[in-house]
mmCIF file of all heavy atoms, coordinates in Angstrom:
data_MODEL
# 
_entry.id   MODEL 
# 
loop_
_atom_site.group_PDB 
_atom_site.id 
_atom_site.type_symbol 
_atom_site.label_atom_id 
_atom_site.label_alt_id 
_atom_site.label_comp_id 
_atom_site.label_asym_id 
_atom_site.label_entity_id 
_atom_site.label_seq_id 
_atom_site.pdbx_PDB_ins_code 
_atom_site.Cartn_x 
_atom_site.Cartn_y 
_atom_site.Cartn_z 
_atom_site.occupancy 
_atom_site.B_iso_or_equiv 
_atom_site.pdbx_formal_charge 
_atom_site.auth_seq_id 
_atom_site.auth_comp_id 
_atom_site.auth_asym_id 
_atom_site.auth_atom_id 
_atom_site.pdbx_PDB_model_num 
ATOM 1   N N   . ARG A 1 1  ? 21.830 70.372 114.140 1.00 0.00 ? 1  ARG A N   1 
ATOM 2   C CA  . ARG A 1 1  ? 22.823 70.501 113.055 1.00 0.00 ? 1  ARG A CA  1 
ATOM 3   C C   . ARG A 1 1  ? 24.206 70.337 113.658 1.00 0.00 ? 1  ARG A C   1 
ATOM 4   O O   . ARG A 1 1  ? 24.547 71.015 114.626 1.00 0.00 ? 1  ARG A O   1 
ATOM 5   C CB  . ARG A 1 1  ? 22.686 71.851 112.372 1.00 0.00 ? 1  ARG A CB  1 
ATOM 6   C CG  . ARG A 1 1  ? 23.535 71.988 111.161 1.00 0.00 ? 1  ARG A CG  1 
ATOM 7   C CD  . ARG A 1 1  ? 22.947 71.193 110.001 1.00 0.00 ? 1  ARG A CD  1 
ATOM 8   N NE  . ARG A 1 1  ? 23.803 71.353 108.850 1.00 0.00 ? 1  ARG A NE  1 
ATOM 9   C CZ  . ARG A 1 1  ? 24.050 70.399 107.981 1.00 0.00 ? 1  ARG A CZ  1 
ATOM 10  N NH1 . ARG A 1 1  ? 23.487 69.229 108.098 1.00 0.00 ? 1  ARG A NH1 1 
ATOM 11  N NH2 . ARG A 1 1  ? 24.852 70.622 106.972 1.00 0.00 ? 1  ARG A NH2 1 
ATOM 12  N N   . LEU A 1 2  ? 25.025 69.449 113.074 1.00 0.00 ? 2  LEU A N   1 
ATOM 13  C CA  . LEU A 1 2  ? 26.298 69.019 113.641 1.00 0.00 ? 2  LEU A CA  1 
ATOM 14  C C   . LEU A 1 2  ? 27.464 69.247 112.685 1.00 0.00 ? 2  LEU A C   1 
ATOM 15  O O   . LEU A 1 2  ? 27.320 69.094 111.468 1.00 0.00 ? 2  LEU A O   1 
ATOM 16  C CB  . LEU A 1 2  ? 26.192 67.513 113.938 1.00 0.00 ? 2  LEU A CB  1 
ATOM 17  C CG  . LEU A 1 2  ? 27.461 66.737 114.238 1.00 0.00 ? 2  LEU A CG  1 
ATOM 18  C CD1 . LEU A 1 2  ? 27.974 67.050 115.638 1.00 0.00 ? 2  LEU A CD1 1 
ATOM 19  C CD2 . LEU A 1 2  ? 27.191 65.251 114.088 1.00 0.00 ? 2  LEU A CD2 1 
ATOM 20  N N   . ARG A 1 3  ? 28.619 69.571 113.247 1.00 0.00 ? 3  ARG A N   1 
ATOM 21  C CA  . ARG A 1 3  ? 29.901 69.612 112.529 1.00 0.00 ? 3  ARG A CA  1 
ATOM 22  C C   . ARG A 1 3  ? 30.909 68.807 113.336 1.00 0.00 ? 3  ARG A C   1 
ATOM 23  O O   . ARG A 1 3  ? 31.025 68.996 114.550 1.00 0.00 ? 3  ARG A O   1 
ATOM 24  C CB  . ARG A 1 3  ? 30.430 71.035 112.364 1.00 0.00 ? 3  ARG A CB  1 
ATOM 25  C CG  . ARG A 1 3  ? 29.632 71.867 111.417 1.00 0.00 ? 3  ARG A CG  1 
ATOM 26  C CD  . ARG A 1 3  ? 29.948 71.483 109.960 1.00 0.00 ? 3  ARG A CD  1 
ATOM 27  N NE  . ARG A 1 3  ? 29.227 72.331 109.063 1.00 0.00 ? 3  ARG A NE  1 
ATOM 28  C CZ  . ARG A 1 3  ? 28.170 71.960 108.346 1.00 0.00 ? 3  ARG A CZ  1 
ATOM 29  N NH1 . ARG A 1 3  ? 27.725 70.737 108.413 1.00 0.00 ? 3  ARG A NH1 1 
ATOM 30  N NH2 . ARG A 1 3  ? 27.570 72.790 107.548 1.00 0.00 ? 3  ARG A NH2 1 
ATOM 31  N N   . LYS A 1 4  ? 31.643 67.909 112.663 1.00 0.00 ? 4  LYS A N   1 
ATOM 32  C CA  . LYS A 1 4  ? 32.699 67.110 113.295 1.00 0.00 ? 4  LYS A CA  1 
ATOM 33  C C   . LYS A 1 4  ? 34.025 67.442 112.625 1.00 0.00 ? 4  LYS A C   1 
ATOM 34  O O   . LYS A 1 4  ? 34.065 67.747 111.435 1.00 0.00 ? 4  LYS A O   1 
ATOM 35  C CB  . LYS A 1 4  ? 32.436 65.609 113.143 1.00 0.00 ? 4  LYS A CB  1 
ATOM 36  C CG  . LYS A 1 4  ? 31.267 65.106 113.966 1.00 0.00 ? 4  LYS A CG  1 
ATOM 37  C CD  . LYS A 1 4  ? 31.150 63.592 113.859 1.00 0.00 ? 4  LYS A CD  1 
ATOM 38  C CE  . LYS A 1 4  ? 29.963 63.060 114.611 1.00 0.00 ? 4  LYS A CE  1 
ATOM 39  N NZ  . LYS A 1 4  ? 30.169 62.935 116.033 1.00 0.00 ? 4  LYS A NZ  1 
ATOM 40  N N   . GLU A 1 5  ? 35.116 67.347 113.392 1.00 0.00 ? 5  GLU A N   1 
ATOM 41  C CA  . GLU A 1 5  ? 36.454 67.603 112.873 1.00 0.00 ? 5  GLU A CA  1 
ATOM 42  C C   . GLU A 1 5  ? 37.387 66.513 113.384 1.00 0.00 ? 5  GLU A C   1 
ATOM 43  O O   . GLU A 1 5  ? 37.412 66.223 114.587 1.00 0.00 ? 5  GLU A O   1 
ATOM 44  C CB  . GLU A 1 5  ? 36.942 68.968 113.360 1.00 0.00 ? 5  GLU A CB  1 
ATOM 45  C CG  . GLU A 1 5  ? 38.352 69.292 112.975 1.00 0.00 ? 5  GLU A CG  1 
ATOM 46  C CD  . GLU A 1 5  ? 38.863 70.574 113.631 1.00 0.00 ? 5  GLU A CD  1 
ATOM 47  O OE1 . GLU A 1 5  ? 38.120 71.208 114.417 1.00 0.00 ? 5  GLU A OE1 1 
ATOM 48  O OE2 . GLU A 1 5  ? 40.010 70.925 113.376 1.00 0.00 ? 5  GLU A OE2 1 
ATOM 49  N N   . LEU A 1 6  ? 38.144 65.921 112.481 1.00 0.00 ? 6  LEU A N   1 
ATOM 50  C CA  . LEU A 1 6  ? 39.138 64.926 112.866 1.00 0.00 ? 6  LEU A CA  1 
ATOM 51  C C   . LEU A 1 6  ? 40.162 65.571 113.778 1.00 0.00 ? 6  LEU A C   1 
ATOM 52  O O   . LEU A 1 6  ? 40.694 66.641 113.479 1.00 0.00 ? 6  LEU A O   1 
ATOM 53  C CB  . LEU A 1 6  ? 39.831 64.362 111.621 1.00 0.00 ? 6  LEU A CB  1 
ATOM 54  C CG  . LEU A 1 6  ? 40.979 63.388 111.876 1.00 0.00 ? 6  LEU A CG  1 
ATOM 55  C CD1 . LEU A 1 6  ? 40.474 62.115 112.553 1.00 0.00 ? 6  LEU A CD1 1 
ATOM 56  C CD2 . LEU A 1 6  ? 41.683 63.066 110.557 1.00 0.00 ? 6  LEU A CD2 1 
ATOM 57  N N   . TRP A 1 7  ? 40.447 64.926 114.896 1.00 0.00 ? 7  TRP A N   1 
ATOM 58  C CA  . TRP A 1 7  ? 41.436 65.426 115.848 1.00 0.00 ? 7  TRP A CA  1 
ATOM 59  C C   . TRP A 1 7  ? 42.698 64.581 115.771 1.00 0.00 ? 7  TRP A C   1 
ATOM 60  O O   . TRP A 1 7  ? 43.800 65.103 115.714 1.00 0.00 ? 7  TRP A O   1 
ATOM 61  C CB  . TRP A 1 7  ? 40.839 65.424 117.253 1.00 0.00 ? 7  TRP A CB  1 
ATOM 62  C CG  . TRP A 1 7  ? 41.604 66.224 118.232 1.00 0.00 ? 7  TRP A CG  1 
ATOM 63  C CD1 . TRP A 1 7  ? 42.454 65.755 119.194 1.00 0.00 ? 7  TRP A CD1 1 
ATOM 64  C CD2 . TRP A 1 7  ? 41.614 67.642 118.372 1.00 0.00 ? 7  TRP A CD2 1 
ATOM 65  N NE1 . TRP A 1 7  ? 42.976 66.794 119.917 1.00 0.00 ? 7  TRP A NE1 1 
ATOM 66  C CE2 . TRP A 1 7  ? 42.478 67.967 119.432 1.00 0.00 ? 7  TRP A CE2 1 
ATOM 67  C CE3 . TRP A 1 7  ? 40.960 68.676 117.692 1.00 0.00 ? 7  TRP A CE3 1 
ATOM 68  C CZ2 . TRP A 1 7  ? 42.718 69.269 119.839 1.00 0.00 ? 7  TRP A CZ2 1 
ATOM 69  C CZ3 . TRP A 1 7  ? 41.192 69.974 118.107 1.00 0.00 ? 7  TRP A CZ3 1 
ATOM 70  C CH2 . TRP A 1 7  ? 42.056 70.264 119.159 1.00 0.00 ? 7  TRP A CH2 1 
ATOM 71  N N   . ALA A 1 8  ? 42.543 63.247 115.785 1.00 0.00 ? 8  ALA A N   1 
ATOM 72  C CA  . ALA A 1 8  ? 43.680 62.333 115.724 1.00 0.00 ? 8  ALA A CA  1 
ATOM 73  C C   . ALA A 1 8  ? 43.171 60.950 115.310 1.00 0.00 ? 8  ALA A C   1 
ATOM 74  O O   . ALA A 1 8  ? 41.979 60.681 115.372 1.00 0.00 ? 8  ALA A O   1 
ATOM 75  C CB  . ALA A 1 8  ? 44.364 62.245 117.088 1.00 0.00 ? 8  ALA A CB  1 
ATOM 76  N N   . TYR A 1 9  ? 44.103 60.084 114.891 1.00 0.00 ? 9  TYR A N   1 
ATOM 77  C CA  . TYR A 1 9  ? 43.729 58.717 114.530 1.00 0.00 ? 9  TYR A CA  1 
ATOM 78  C C   . TYR A 1 9  ? 44.922 57.783 114.737 1.00 0.00 ? 9  TYR A C   1 
ATOM 79  O O   . TYR A 1 9  ? 46.064 58.227 114.780 1.00 0.00 ? 9  TYR A O   1 
ATOM 80  C CB  . TYR A 1 9  ? 43.235 58.631 113.078 1.00 0.00 ? 9  TYR A CB  1 
ATOM 81  C CG  . TYR A 1 9  ? 44.329 58.897 112.074 1.00 0.00 ? 9  TYR A CG  1 
ATOM 82  C CD1 . TYR A 1 9  ? 45.067 57.852 111.528 1.00 0.00 ? 9  TYR A CD1 1 
ATOM 83  C CD2 . TYR A 1 9  ? 44.647 60.194 111.701 1.00 0.00 ? 9  TYR A CD2 1 
ATOM 84  C CE1 . TYR A 1 9  ? 46.092 58.100 110.633 1.00 0.00 ? 9  TYR A CE1 1 
ATOM 85  C CE2 . TYR A 1 9  ? 45.670 60.448 110.808 1.00 0.00 ? 9  TYR A CE2 1 
ATOM 86  C CZ  . TYR A 1 9  ? 46.383 59.399 110.275 1.00 0.00 ? 9  TYR A CZ  1 
ATOM 87  O OH  . TYR A 1 9  ? 47.399 59.638 109.396 1.00 0.00 ? 9  TYR A OH  1 
ATOM 88  N N   . THR A 1 10 ? 44.616 56.502 114.914 1.00 0.00 ? 10 THR A N   1 
ATOM 89  C CA  . THR A 1 10 ? 45.607 55.434 114.923 1.00 0.00 ? 10 THR A CA  1 
ATOM 90  C C   . THR A 1 10 ? 45.038 54.318 114.058 1.00 0.00 ? 10 THR A C   1 
ATOM 91  O O   . THR A 1 10 ? 44.073 54.536 113.322 1.00 0.00 ? 10 THR A O   1 
ATOM 92  C CB  . THR A 1 10 ? 45.898 54.912 116.352 1.00 0.00 ? 10 THR A CB  1 
ATOM 93  O OG1 . THR A 1 10 ? 44.709 54.339 116.882 1.00 0.00 ? 10 THR A OG1 1 
ATOM 94  C CG2 . THR A 1 10 ? 46.403 56.008 117.262 1.00 0.00 ? 10 THR A CG2 1 
ATOM 95  N N   . ASP A 1 11 ? 45.575 53.135 114.172 1.00 0.00 ? 11 ASP A N   1 
ATOM 96  C CA  . ASP A 1 11 ? 45.136 52.026 113.318 1.00 0.00 ? 11 ASP A CA  1 
ATOM 97  C C   . ASP A 1 11 ? 43.630 51.818 113.314 1.00 0.00 ? 11 ASP A C   1 
ATOM 98  O O   . ASP A 1 11 ? 43.004 51.798 112.269 1.00 0.00 ? 11 ASP A O   1 
ATOM 99  C CB  . ASP A 1 11 ? 45.828 50.724 113.735 1.00 0.00 ? 11 ASP A CB  1 
ATOM 100 C CG  . ASP A 1 11 ? 47.315 50.723 113.402 1.00 0.00 ? 11 ASP A CG  1 
ATOM 101 O OD1 . ASP A 1 11 ? 47.730 51.499 112.521 1.00 0.00 ? 11 ASP A OD1 1 
ATOM 102 O OD2 . ASP A 1 11 ? 48.048 49.954 114.032 1.00 0.00 ? 11 ASP A OD2 1 
ATOM 103 N N   . ASP A 1 12 ? 43.020 51.649 114.499 1.00 0.00 ? 12 ASP A N   1 
ATOM 104 C CA  . ASP A 1 12 ? 41.588 51.355 114.561 1.00 0.00 ? 12 ASP A CA  1 
ATOM 105 C C   . ASP A 1 12 ? 40.811 52.342 115.430 1.00 0.00 ? 12 ASP A C   1 
ATOM 106 O O   . ASP A 1 12 ? 39.688 52.061 115.826 1.00 0.00 ? 12 ASP A O   1 
ATOM 107 C CB  . ASP A 1 12 ? 41.338 49.928 115.049 1.00 0.00 ? 12 ASP A CB  1 
ATOM 108 C CG  . ASP A 1 12 ? 41.784 49.690 116.488 1.00 0.00 ? 12 ASP A CG  1 
ATOM 109 O OD1 . ASP A 1 12 ? 42.488 50.552 117.060 1.00 0.00 ? 12 ASP A OD1 1 
ATOM 110 O OD2 . ASP A 1 12 ? 41.420 48.632 117.036 1.00 0.00 ? 12 ASP A OD2 1 
ATOM 111 N N   . ARG A 1 13 ? 41.420 53.487 115.699 1.00 0.00 ? 13 ARG A N   1 
ATOM 112 C CA  . ARG A 1 13 ? 40.761 54.495 116.547 1.00 0.00 ? 13 ARG A CA  1 
ATOM 113 C C   . ARG A 1 13 ? 40.801 55.863 115.886 1.00 0.00 ? 13 ARG A C   1 
ATOM 114 O O   . ARG A 1 13 ? 41.755 56.207 115.203 1.00 0.00 ? 13 ARG A O   1 
ATOM 115 C CB  . ARG A 1 13 ? 41.439 54.580 117.911 1.00 0.00 ? 13 ARG A CB  1 
ATOM 116 C CG  . ARG A 1 13 ? 41.272 53.304 118.693 1.00 0.00 ? 13 ARG A CG  1 
ATOM 117 C CD  . ARG A 1 13 ? 41.953 53.373 120.012 1.00 0.00 ? 13 ARG A CD  1 
ATOM 118 N NE  . ARG A 1 13 ? 41.716 52.131 120.742 1.00 0.00 ? 13 ARG A NE  1 
ATOM 119 C CZ  . ARG A 1 13 ? 42.185 51.880 121.928 1.00 0.00 ? 13 ARG A CZ  1 
ATOM 120 N NH1 . ARG A 1 13 ? 42.910 52.783 122.568 1.00 0.00 ? 13 ARG A NH1 1 
ATOM 121 N NH2 . ARG A 1 13 ? 41.934 50.735 122.512 1.00 0.00 ? 13 ARG A NH2 1 
ATOM 122 N N   . ILE A 1 14 ? 39.753 56.647 116.164 1.00 0.00 ? 14 ILE A N   1 
ATOM 123 C CA  . ILE A 1 14 ? 39.647 58.024 115.670 1.00 0.00 ? 14 ILE A CA  1 
ATOM 124 C C   . ILE A 1 14 ? 39.150 58.884 116.815 1.00 0.00 ? 14 ILE A C   1 
ATOM 125 O O   . ILE A 1 14 ? 38.259 58.491 117.569 1.00 0.00 ? 14 ILE A O   1 
ATOM 126 C CB  . ILE A 1 14 ? 38.670 58.122 114.469 1.00 0.00 ? 14 ILE A CB  1 
ATOM 127 C CG1 . ILE A 1 14 ? 39.226 57.351 113.268 1.00 0.00 ? 14 ILE A CG1 1 
ATOM 128 C CG2 . ILE A 1 14 ? 38.405 59.581 114.105 1.00 0.00 ? 14 ILE A CG2 1 
ATOM 129 C CD1 . ILE A 1 14 ? 38.285 57.304 112.076 1.00 0.00 ? 14 ILE A CD1 1 
ATOM 130 N N   . SER A 1 15 ? 39.716 60.077 116.931 1.00 0.00 ? 15 SER A N   1 
ATOM 131 C CA  . SER A 1 15 ? 39.263 61.063 117.910 1.00 0.00 ? 15 SER A CA  1 
ATOM 132 C C   . SER A 1 15 ? 38.770 62.284 117.145 1.00 0.00 ? 15 SER A C   1 
ATOM 133 O O   . SER A 1 15 ? 39.410 62.723 116.191 1.00 0.00 ? 15 SER A O   1 
ATOM 134 C CB  . SER A 1 15 ? 40.432 61.442 118.830 1.00 0.00 ? 15 SER A CB  1 
ATOM 135 O OG  . SER A 1 15 ? 40.028 62.419 119.755 1.00 0.00 ? 15 SER A OG  1 
ATOM 136 N N   . VAL A 1 16 ? 37.610 62.794 117.553 1.00 0.00 ? 16 VAL A N   1 
ATOM 137 C CA  . VAL A 1 16 ? 37.033 63.977 116.897 1.00 0.00 ? 16 VAL A CA  1 
ATOM 138 C C   . VAL A 1 16 ? 36.643 65.018 117.934 1.00 0.00 ? 16 VAL A C   1 
ATOM 139 O O   . VAL A 1 16 ? 36.421 64.709 119.100 1.00 0.00 ? 16 VAL A O   1 
ATOM 140 C CB  . VAL A 1 16 ? 35.779 63.627 116.048 1.00 0.00 ? 16 VAL A CB  1 
ATOM 141 C CG1 . VAL A 1 16 ? 36.120 62.655 114.945 1.00 0.00 ? 16 VAL A CG1 1 
ATOM 142 C CG2 . VAL A 1 16 ? 34.649 63.102 116.892 1.00 0.00 ? 16 VAL A CG2 1 
ATOM 143 N N   . ARG A 1 17 ? 36.596 66.266 117.481 1.00 0.00 ? 17 ARG A N   1 
ATOM 144 C CA  . ARG A 1 17 ? 35.962 67.336 118.242 1.00 0.00 ? 17 ARG A CA  1 
ATOM 145 C C   . ARG A 1 17 ? 34.735 67.718 117.438 1.00 0.00 ? 17 ARG A C   1 
ATOM 146 O O   . ARG A 1 17 ? 34.698 67.520 116.219 1.00 0.00 ? 17 ARG A O   1 
ATOM 147 C CB  . ARG A 1 17 ? 36.897 68.526 118.464 1.00 0.00 ? 17 ARG A CB  1 
ATOM 148 C CG  . ARG A 1 17 ? 37.234 69.262 117.180 1.00 0.00 ? 17 ARG A CG  1 
ATOM 149 C CD  . ARG A 1 17 ? 37.702 70.691 117.361 1.00 0.00 ? 17 ARG A CD  1 
ATOM 150 N NE  . ARG A 1 17 ? 36.699 71.544 117.941 1.00 0.00 ? 17 ARG A NE  1 
ATOM 151 C CZ  . ARG A 1 17 ? 35.679 72.104 117.289 1.00 0.00 ? 17 ARG A CZ  1 
ATOM 152 N NH1 . ARG A 1 17 ? 35.500 71.896 116.006 1.00 0.00 ? 17 ARG A NH1 1 
ATOM 153 N NH2 . ARG A 1 17 ? 34.834 72.876 117.910 1.00 0.00 ? 17 ARG A NH2 1 
ATOM 154 N N   . PHE A 1 18 ? 33.713 68.203 118.108 1.00 0.00 ? 18 PHE A N   1 
ATOM 155 C CA  . PHE A 1 18 ? 32.489 68.538 117.387 1.00 0.00 ? 18 PHE A CA  1 
ATOM 156 C C   . PHE A 1 18 ? 31.755 69.655 118.103 1.00 0.00 ? 18 PHE A C   1 
ATOM 157 O O   . PHE A 1 18 ? 32.021 69.977 119.257 1.00 0.00 ? 18 PHE A O   1 
ATOM 158 C CB  . PHE A 1 18 ? 31.572 67.313 117.247 1.00 0.00 ? 18 PHE A CB  1 
ATOM 159 C CG  . PHE A 1 18 ? 31.085 66.766 118.558 1.00 0.00 ? 18 PHE A CG  1 
ATOM 160 C CD1 . PHE A 1 18 ? 29.950 67.260 119.160 1.00 0.00 ? 18 PHE A CD1 1 
ATOM 161 C CD2 . PHE A 1 18 ? 31.788 65.763 119.192 1.00 0.00 ? 18 PHE A CD2 1 
ATOM 162 C CE1 . PHE A 1 18 ? 29.503 66.763 120.381 1.00 0.00 ? 18 PHE A CE1 1 
ATOM 163 C CE2 . PHE A 1 18 ? 31.355 65.253 120.413 1.00 0.00 ? 18 PHE A CE2 1 
ATOM 164 C CZ  . PHE A 1 18 ? 30.210 65.753 121.004 1.00 0.00 ? 18 PHE A CZ  1 
ATOM 165 N N   . GLU A 1 19 ? 30.835 70.247 117.357 1.00 0.00 ? 19 GLU A N   1 
ATOM 166 C CA  . GLU A 1 19 ? 29.846 71.133 117.956 1.00 0.00 ? 19 GLU A CA  1 
ATOM 167 C C   . GLU A 1 19 ? 28.565 70.952 117.171 1.00 0.00 ? 19 GLU A C   1 
ATOM 168 O O   . GLU A 1 19 ? 28.578 70.623 115.987 1.00 0.00 ? 19 GLU A O   1 
ATOM 169 C CB  . GLU A 1 19 ? 30.299 72.587 118.010 1.00 0.00 ? 19 GLU A CB  1 
ATOM 170 C CG  . GLU A 1 19 ? 30.383 73.312 116.719 1.00 0.00 ? 19 GLU A CG  1 
ATOM 171 C CD  . GLU A 1 19 ? 30.816 74.769 116.914 1.00 0.00 ? 19 GLU A CD  1 
ATOM 172 O OE1 . GLU A 1 19 ? 31.504 75.098 117.887 1.00 0.00 ? 19 GLU A OE1 1 
ATOM 173 O OE2 . GLU A 1 19 ? 30.438 75.571 116.063 1.00 0.00 ? 19 GLU A OE2 1 
ATOM 174 N N   . TYR A 1 20 ? 27.462 71.108 117.891 1.00 0.00 ? 20 TYR A N   1 
ATOM 175 C CA  . TYR A 1 20 ? 26.170 71.080 117.225 1.00 0.00 ? 20 TYR A CA  1 
ATOM 176 C C   . TYR A 1 20 ? 25.256 72.099 117.876 1.00 0.00 ? 20 TYR A C   1 
ATOM 177 O O   . TYR A 1 20 ? 25.488 72.539 118.999 1.00 0.00 ? 20 TYR A O   1 
ATOM 178 C CB  . TYR A 1 20 ? 25.550 69.673 117.197 1.00 0.00 ? 20 TYR A CB  1 
ATOM 179 C CG  . TYR A 1 20 ? 25.263 68.997 118.508 1.00 0.00 ? 20 TYR A CG  1 
ATOM 180 C CD1 . TYR A 1 20 ? 24.028 69.134 119.136 1.00 0.00 ? 20 TYR A CD1 1 
ATOM 181 C CD2 . TYR A 1 20 ? 26.204 68.170 119.103 1.00 0.00 ? 20 TYR A CD2 1 
ATOM 182 C CE1 . TYR A 1 20 ? 23.739 68.478 120.320 1.00 0.00 ? 20 TYR A CE1 1 
ATOM 183 C CE2 . TYR A 1 20 ? 25.930 67.497 120.285 1.00 0.00 ? 20 TYR A CE2 1 
ATOM 184 C CZ  . TYR A 1 20 ? 24.693 67.655 120.893 1.00 0.00 ? 20 TYR A CZ  1 
ATOM 185 O OH  . TYR A 1 20 ? 24.411 66.988 122.062 1.00 0.00 ? 20 TYR A OH  1 
ATOM 186 N N   . GLU A 1 21 ? 24.254 72.505 117.103 1.00 0.00 ? 21 GLU A N   1 
ATOM 187 C CA  . GLU A 1 21 ? 23.271 73.474 117.585 1.00 0.00 ? 21 GLU A CA  1 
ATOM 188 C C   . GLU A 1 21 ? 21.883 72.867 117.429 1.00 0.00 ? 21 GLU A C   1 
ATOM 189 O O   . GLU A 1 21 ? 21.631 72.079 116.522 1.00 0.00 ? 21 GLU A O   1 
ATOM 190 C CB  . GLU A 1 21 ? 23.381 74.780 116.800 1.00 0.00 ? 21 GLU A CB  1 
ATOM 191 C CG  . GLU A 1 21 ? 24.697 75.492 117.069 1.00 0.00 ? 21 GLU A CG  1 
ATOM 192 C CD  . GLU A 1 21 ? 24.914 76.734 116.223 1.00 0.00 ? 21 GLU A CD  1 
ATOM 193 O OE1 . GLU A 1 21 ? 24.157 76.954 115.239 1.00 0.00 ? 21 GLU A OE1 1 
ATOM 194 O OE2 . GLU A 1 21 ? 25.848 77.481 116.537 1.00 0.00 ? 21 GLU A OE2 1 
ATOM 195 N N   . TRP A 1 22 ? 21.012 73.279 118.319 1.00 0.00 ? 22 TRP A N   1 
ATOM 196 C CA  . TRP A 1 22 ? 19.653 72.771 118.363 1.00 0.00 ? 22 TRP A CA  1 
ATOM 197 C C   . TRP A 1 22 ? 18.832 73.693 119.254 1.00 0.00 ? 22 TRP A C   1 
ATOM 198 O O   . TRP A 1 22 ? 19.377 74.539 119.941 1.00 0.00 ? 22 TRP A O   1 
ATOM 199 C CB  . TRP A 1 22 ? 19.640 71.334 118.903 1.00 0.00 ? 22 TRP A CB  1 
ATOM 200 C CG  . TRP A 1 22 ? 20.289 71.190 120.245 1.00 0.00 ? 22 TRP A CG  1 
ATOM 201 C CD1 . TRP A 1 22 ? 21.637 71.124 120.501 1.00 0.00 ? 22 TRP A CD1 1 
ATOM 202 C CD2 . TRP A 1 22 ? 19.644 71.120 121.517 1.00 0.00 ? 22 TRP A CD2 1 
ATOM 203 N NE1 . TRP A 1 22 ? 21.859 71.014 121.859 1.00 0.00 ? 22 TRP A NE1 1 
ATOM 204 C CE2 . TRP A 1 22 ? 20.657 70.998 122.503 1.00 0.00 ? 22 TRP A CE2 1 
ATOM 205 C CE3 . TRP A 1 22 ? 18.311 71.132 121.926 1.00 0.00 ? 22 TRP A CE3 1 
ATOM 206 C CZ2 . TRP A 1 22 ? 20.373 70.894 123.867 1.00 0.00 ? 22 TRP A CZ2 1 
ATOM 207 C CZ3 . TRP A 1 22 ? 18.032 71.028 123.281 1.00 0.00 ? 22 TRP A CZ3 1 
ATOM 208 C CH2 . TRP A 1 22 ? 19.057 70.908 124.232 1.00 0.00 ? 22 TRP A CH2 1 
ATOM 209 N N   . HIS A 1 23 ? 17.519 73.536 119.199 1.00 0.00 ? 23 HIS A N   1 
ATOM 210 C CA  . HIS A 1 23 ? 16.682 74.271 120.146 1.00 0.00 ? 23 HIS A CA  1 
ATOM 211 C C   . HIS A 1 23 ? 15.720 73.309 120.824 1.00 0.00 ? 23 HIS A C   1 
ATOM 212 O O   . HIS A 1 23 ? 15.385 72.252 120.298 1.00 0.00 ? 23 HIS A O   1 
ATOM 213 C CB  . HIS A 1 23 ? 15.939 75.451 119.489 1.00 0.00 ? 23 HIS A CB  1 
ATOM 214 C CG  . HIS A 1 23 ? 14.878 75.057 118.518 1.00 0.00 ? 23 HIS A CG  1 
ATOM 215 N ND1 . HIS A 1 23 ? 13.601 74.727 118.894 1.00 0.00 ? 23 HIS A ND1 1 
ATOM 216 C CD2 . HIS A 1 23 ? 14.899 74.955 117.167 1.00 0.00 ? 23 HIS A CD2 1 
ATOM 217 C CE1 . HIS A 1 23 ? 12.874 74.443 117.830 1.00 0.00 ? 23 HIS A CE1 1 
ATOM 218 N NE2 . HIS A 1 23 ? 13.653 74.561 116.755 1.00 0.00 ? 23 HIS A NE2 1 
ATOM 219 N N   . ASP A 1 24 ? 15.300 73.702 122.023 1.00 0.00 ? 24 ASP A N   1 
ATOM 220 C CA  . ASP A 1 24 ? 14.353 72.880 122.776 1.00 0.00 ? 24 ASP A CA  1 
ATOM 221 C C   . ASP A 1 24 ? 12.930 73.286 122.413 1.00 0.00 ? 24 ASP A C   1 
ATOM 222 O O   . ASP A 1 24 ? 12.701 74.199 121.603 1.00 0.00 ? 24 ASP A O   1 
ATOM 223 C CB  . ASP A 1 24 ? 14.638 72.964 124.283 1.00 0.00 ? 24 ASP A CB  1 
ATOM 224 C CG  . ASP A 1 24 ? 14.565 74.378 124.839 1.00 0.00 ? 24 ASP A CG  1 
ATOM 225 O OD1 . ASP A 1 24 ? 13.844 75.240 124.276 1.00 0.00 ? 24 ASP A OD1 1 
ATOM 226 O OD2 . ASP A 1 24 ? 15.233 74.627 125.860 1.00 0.00 ? 24 ASP A OD2 1 
ATOM 227 N N   . ALA A 1 25 ? 11.957 72.624 123.004 1.00 0.00 ? 25 ALA A N   1 
ATOM 228 C CA  . ALA A 1 25 ? 10.545 72.877 122.700 1.00 0.00 ? 25 ALA A CA  1 
ATOM 229 C C   . ALA A 1 25 ? 10.114 74.287 123.070 1.00 0.00 ? 25 ALA A C   1 
ATOM 230 O O   . ALA A 1 25 ? 9.174  74.828 122.482 1.00 0.00 ? 25 ALA A O   1 
ATOM 231 C CB  . ALA A 1 25 ? 9.671  71.850 123.412 1.00 0.00 ? 25 ALA A CB  1 
ATOM 232 N N   . ALA A 1 26 ? 10.811 74.914 124.025 1.00 0.00 ? 26 ALA A N   1 
ATOM 233 C CA  . ALA A 1 26 ? 10.484 76.284 124.433 1.00 0.00 ? 26 ALA A CA  1 
ATOM 234 C C   . ALA A 1 26 ? 11.103 77.324 123.503 1.00 0.00 ? 26 ALA A C   1 
ATOM 235 O O   . ALA A 1 26 ? 10.847 78.517 123.659 1.00 0.00 ? 26 ALA A O   1 
ATOM 236 C CB  . ALA A 1 26 ? 10.955 76.528 125.868 1.00 0.00 ? 26 ALA A CB  1 
# 
């Protein structure tokens, strides 16, 4: 499960910060 947040942008570029959570097979 992921959440992204816009950090900055220019004409053809975008920067994001994100966090996601998950679990492994164990």
